[in-house]
PDB file of N, CA and C in Angstrom:
ATOM      1  N   MET A   1       0.912  -1.082  -0.039  1.00  0.00           N
ATOM      2  CA  MET A   1      -0.008  -0.025   0.043  1.00  0.00           C
ATOM      3  C   MET A   1       0.912   1.359   0.007  1.00  0.00           C
ATOM      4  N   ASN A   2       1.939   1.268   0.772  1.00  0.00           N
ATOM      5  CA  ASN A   2       2.809   2.363   0.718  1.00  0.00           C
ATOM      6  C   ASN A   2       3.304   2.857  -0.661  1.00  0.00           C
ATOM      7  N   ASP A   3       3.718   1.814  -1.398  1.00  0.00           N
ATOM      8  CA  ASP A   3       4.235   2.187  -2.664  1.00  0.00           C
ATOM      9  C   ASP A   3       3.117   2.992  -3.554  1.00  0.00           C
ATOM     10  N   VAL A   4       1.852   2.454  -3.433  1.00  0.00           N
ATOM     11  CA  VAL A   4       0.718   2.948  -4.104  1.00  0.00           C
ATOM     12  C   VAL A   4       0.493   4.375  -3.682  1.00  0.00           C
ATOM     13  N   VAL A   5       0.519   4.649  -2.448  1.00  0.00           N
ATOM     14  CA  VAL A   5       0.178   5.936  -1.885  1.00  0.00           C
ATOM     15  C   VAL A   5       1.377   6.998  -2.198  1.00  0.00           C
ATOM     16  N   ALA A   6       2.635   6.412  -2.234  1.00  0.00           N
ATOM     17  CA  ALA A   6       3.775   7.356  -2.606  1.00  0.00           C
ATOM     18  C   ALA A   6       3.605   7.623  -4.091  1.00  0.00           C
ATOM     19  N   GLU A   7       3.309   6.726  -4.884  1.00  0.00           N
ATOM     20  CA  GLU A   7       3.222   7.055  -6.377  1.00  0.00           C
ATOM     21  C   GLU A   7       2.036   7.847  -6.584  1.00  0.00           C
ATOM     22  N   ALA A   8       1.057   7.741  -5.909  1.00  0.00           N
ATOM     23  CA  ALA A   8      -0.223   8.694  -6.030  1.00  0.00           C
ATOM     24  C   ALA A   8       0.192  10.092  -5.651  1.00  0.00           C
ATOM     25  N   LYS A   9       1.092  10.363  -4.700  1.00  0.00           N
ATOM     26  CA  LYS A   9       1.474  11.553  -4.191  1.00  0.00           C
ATOM     27  C   LYS A   9       2.264  12.233  -5.351  1.00  0.00           C
ATOM     28  N   LEU A  10       3.213  11.432  -5.931  1.00  0.00           N
ATOM     29  CA  LEU A  10       3.995  11.985  -6.990  1.00  0.00           C
ATOM     30  C   LEU A  10       3.125  12.481  -8.209  1.00  0.00           C
ATOM     31  N   ARG A  11       2.135  11.581  -8.472  1.00  0.00           N
ATOM     32  CA  ARG A  11       1.257  11.862  -9.602  1.00  0.00           C
ATOM     33  C   ARG A  11       0.365  13.133  -9.478  1.00  0.00           C
ATOM     34  N   ALA A  12      -0.133  13.118  -8.303  1.00  0.00           N
ATOM     35  CA  ALA A  12      -1.055  14.253  -7.841  1.00  0.00           C
ATOM     36  C   ALA A  12      -1.150  14.515  -6.402  1.00  0.00           C
ATOM     37  N   PRO A  13      -0.394  15.575  -6.034  1.00  0.00           N
ATOM     38  CA  PRO A  13      -0.408  15.904  -4.543  1.00  0.00           C
ATOM     39  C   PRO A  13      -1.699  16.100  -3.975  1.00  0.00           C
ATOM     40  N   GLY A  14      -2.716  16.444  -4.669  1.00  0.00           N
ATOM     41  CA  GLY A  14      -4.032  16.527  -4.162  1.00  0.00           C
ATOM     42  C   GLY A  14      -4.612  15.204  -3.668  1.00  0.00           C
ATOM     43  N   HIS A  15      -4.098  14.068  -4.122  1.00  0.00           N
ATOM     44  CA  HIS A  15      -4.535  12.776  -3.619  1.00  0.00           C
ATOM     45  C   HIS A  15      -4.237  12.736  -2.163  1.00  0.00           C
ATOM     46  N   GLU A  16      -3.034  13.189  -1.747  1.00  0.00           N
ATOM     47  CA  GLU A  16      -2.705  13.053  -0.338  1.00  0.00           C
ATOM     48  C   GLU A  16      -3.757  13.716   0.587  1.00  0.00           C
ATOM     49  N   ILE A  17      -4.281  15.017   0.206  1.00  0.00           N
ATOM     50  CA  ILE A  17      -5.274  15.644   0.888  1.00  0.00           C
ATOM     51  C   ILE A  17      -6.491  14.918   0.875  1.00  0.00           C
ATOM     52  N   VAL A  18      -6.993  14.272  -0.256  1.00  0.00           N
ATOM     53  CA  VAL A  18      -8.157  13.496  -0.195  1.00  0.00           C
ATOM     54  C   VAL A  18      -8.048  12.236   0.729  1.00  0.00           C
ATOM     55  N   LEU A  19      -6.852  11.597   0.781  1.00  0.00           N
ATOM     56  CA  LEU A  19      -6.724  10.498   1.631  1.00  0.00           C
ATOM     57  C   LEU A  19      -6.836  10.875   3.093  1.00  0.00           C
ATOM     58  N   LYS A  20      -6.440  12.043   3.442  1.00  0.00           N
ATOM     59  CA  LYS A  20      -6.459  12.722   4.783  1.00  0.00           C
ATOM     60  C   LYS A  20      -7.848  13.025   5.200  1.00  0.00           C
ATOM     61  N   LEU A  21      -8.697  13.334   4.145  1.00  0.00           N
ATOM     62  CA  LEU A  21     -10.124  13.827   4.521  1.00  0.00           C
ATOM     63  C   LEU A  21     -10.942  12.565   4.869  1.00  0.00           C
ATOM     64  N   PRO A  22     -11.969  12.924   5.703  1.00  0.00           N
ATOM     65  CA  PRO A  22     -12.911  11.794   5.985  1.00  0.00           C
ATOM     66  C   PRO A  22     -13.618  11.290   4.894  1.00  0.00           C
ATOM     67  N   LYS A  23     -14.128  10.054   4.911  1.00  0.00           N
ATOM     68  CA  LYS A  23     -14.873   9.568   3.755  1.00  0.00           C
ATOM     69  C   LYS A  23     -16.266  10.183   3.641  1.00  0.00           C
ATOM     70  N   ARG A  24     -16.584  11.161   4.413  1.00  0.00           N
ATOM     71  CA  ARG A  24     -17.882  11.685   4.272  1.00  0.00           C
ATOM     72  C   ARG A  24     -17.913  12.726   3.082  1.00  0.00           C
ATOM     73  N   LEU A  25     -16.754  12.846   2.425  1.00  0.00           N
ATOM     74  CA  LEU A  25     -16.804  13.819   1.302  1.00  0.00           C
ATOM     75  C   LEU A  25     -16.298  13.144  -0.031  1.00  0.00           C
ATOM     76  N   PRO A  26     -17.110  12.052  -0.378  1.00  0.00           N
ATOM     77  CA  PRO A  26     -16.751  11.242  -1.596  1.00  0.00           C
ATOM     78  C   PRO A  26     -16.919  12.158  -2.813  1.00  0.00           C
ATOM     79  N   ARG A  27     -17.691  13.255  -2.733  1.00  0.00           N
ATOM     80  CA  ARG A  27     -17.971  14.031  -3.939  1.00  0.00           C
ATOM     81  C   ARG A  27     -16.543  14.753  -4.208  1.00  0.00           C
ATOM     82  N   LEU A  28     -15.912  15.313  -3.222  1.00  0.00           N
ATOM     83  CA  LEU A  28     -14.687  16.056  -3.329  1.00  0.00           C
ATOM     84  C   LEU A  28     -13.552  15.013  -3.992  1.00  0.00           C
ATOM     85  N   GLY A  29     -13.524  13.841  -3.436  1.00  0.00           N
ATOM     86  CA  GLY A  29     -12.567  12.979  -3.696  1.00  0.00           C
ATOM     87  C   GLY A  29     -12.659  12.505  -5.268  1.00  0.00           C
ATOM     88  N   ILE A  30     -13.911  12.362  -5.737  1.00  0.00           N
ATOM     89  CA  ILE A  30     -14.199  12.172  -7.078  1.00  0.00           C
ATOM     90  C   ILE A  30     -13.702  13.260  -7.944  1.00  0.00           C
ATOM     91  N   ASP A  31     -13.989  14.424  -7.579  1.00  0.00           N
ATOM     92  CA  ASP A  31     -13.701  15.673  -8.278  1.00  0.00           C
ATOM     93  C   ASP A  31     -12.085  15.762  -8.539  1.00  0.00           C
ATOM     94  N   VAL A  32     -11.463  15.630  -7.508  1.00  0.00           N
ATOM     95  CA  VAL A  32      -9.909  15.685  -7.427  1.00  0.00           C
ATOM     96  C   VAL A  32      -9.305  14.626  -8.278  1.00  0.00           C
ATOM     97  N   ARG A  33      -9.949  13.380  -8.128  1.00  0.00           N
ATOM     98  CA  ARG A  33      -9.323  12.184  -8.781  1.00  0.00           C
ATOM     99  C   ARG A  33      -9.495  12.449 -10.372  1.00  0.00           C
ATOM    100  N   ARG A  34     -10.568  13.052 -10.685  1.00  0.00           N
ATOM    101  CA  ARG A  34     -10.751  13.246 -12.182  1.00  0.00           C
ATOM    102  C   ARG A  34      -9.886  14.326 -12.670  1.00  0.00           C
TER     103      ARG A  34
END
């Protein structure tokens, strides 16, 4: 999992923020991932 998270951070720093946010905001996560 660590490798996947690290790679995600390199590709899009925004992912790190999404991972830290609670799962109550799936809408935000989807927008950032797109």
